[in-house]
Amino acid sequence: MREDMFQPEIETMSRDQLAALQLDRLKAVVKRVYGKNPAYRELFQKAGVAPSDIRGLSDLSRLPGIDKESLRLAYPAGFLCDDIGNIREMHMSSGSTGTPIAMLYTQDDLEQWAECMARCYRMAGCRPGDPVQITPSFGLFNGGFGMYHGARKAGLFIIPTGSGNTARQIKLARDFHTRVFTAVVSYGIRIIEELNRGGCELPDLDIGIFGAETFSQSMKKRISEGLGIESFDIYGMTETGGVGTLGQDCPDHSGIHVWEDHYLVEIIDPVSRRPAADGATGELVVTSLSRQAVPVIRFRTGDLTRVLSRQTCACGRTHLRLAPITGRVDDMLIVKGINFFPSQVEQALLEIPGVLPNYQIIIEDVQGIKDVRVNVEASPEVTGFMVEKHLKERLGFSPKGDVFPPGGLPRQEGKAVRVFRNFGEK
């Protein structure tokens, strides 16, 4: 029995075996949504496709897709494919961009979520009995509960702190010898700041599992070095069933392994919607193969990534690997004719010695003329000219901005807010 795998017989399944399992599950989920949900059935009928038309994985492209707007319009349960009496839990998106998206769970769905998360924990090096500190919030946001369900499945010692009160987080980590720390990406930085302020360390901390925000390689390096840990990038979203459902990177750190027995993934050109070749960046599209309450069919995630490899990884897992998410289709900013993503700004900023990981990107729109301001925190030797020069070299334009001392920019609980929009008059 391999200690580094929770389900080695599945995680090392041959590509042919995976494809056969995927086809069986695809046929079953298509039959399920068509038979149990009028909204899905109408979409299929408009596309001129029926469950009997799905004979091979290549037929996936014949199926109609949904997106976030589809799920928002269907709130609260328009895509439910089970009896409401079988629902055991629910979670929701933040709704910060409009009507929230609700995800409902049967008992089988909760088991599937826990299984995916347990694989992620074991892949990161967690072993039964390891103290795991769960800092994402416990509530409608899925992070805390997903980490909790998976930790129970993996047999870990759970310290369910939830979000906030960073000083207490550190005390509990020291008192209970936390080995595994789970958090949204930006909270890793808050822990480092608090440790530095108090002049203390977390000697038992060894593993960090971070998600919910874009995790650039520069940020990953800062957190790993700042906490003295190995950091892992976990991936999942409300629509796929929560954190960890899609996968995570392994100790080889050569891409995010997707749990392909549970999810079929495609990469498409976000404009033409045509399939993108392996290695080409595009929008991730996900079909859930084993979820019961609200399976998503060809769900357009809006996340940008690419297939890195379908070959067996150095870790022994056969499930394909995706590149870390570089941004979202709707996150692209265009300023002075230059297209860029916030993650590119972060990557460039953290290449500058002395620049700290807290920053703001402020998009200013004055009478239709767009400009950008980048504010950063940095040590005293960093000047605005240094920041502007490096961003010019890396992004192709010179943003305005200010350099603030450490702690000079505001912090938020939960996910960090990096991009702000300022519309005004001259």
Foldseek 3Di string as FASTA:
>chain_A
DDQLFPDVCQQQPDPVVLQVLLLVLVLVVQQQQCVQAPVLVVQCVVLVHHSVVRDGPVCLVSGDFAEPVNQQVCPPARSWRDDPVQWDDKAWDPCPVHRIGIDTAGPVLLVLLLNLLLRQCSLQPDAAAAEEEQAAAPDNAQRLVSNVSNCVVRNYRYDDPYHDPLVVVLVVCQVVLHQEYEAALVVLQVNLVVCVVVVHARVSHAEYEHEPDQCDPLSQVCSCVSRVYHYKYWDDDNLQSHISQQAIDGPVRPATFGSSSFKDKFFAAPPVRHGDDAPDKGWIFIFTRDGRTRTGRRYGHQWIWGWDDQPQDPVSGRGTGIHGTQAGNVQWDAAPNFTDHPSLLQVQQSVDPFWGNDKAWEWEAAPNHTAIEIETEGDPVDALVNSQVSCCVRGVHGHHYGYHHVPRDDADMGDGDHYHYHYDYD
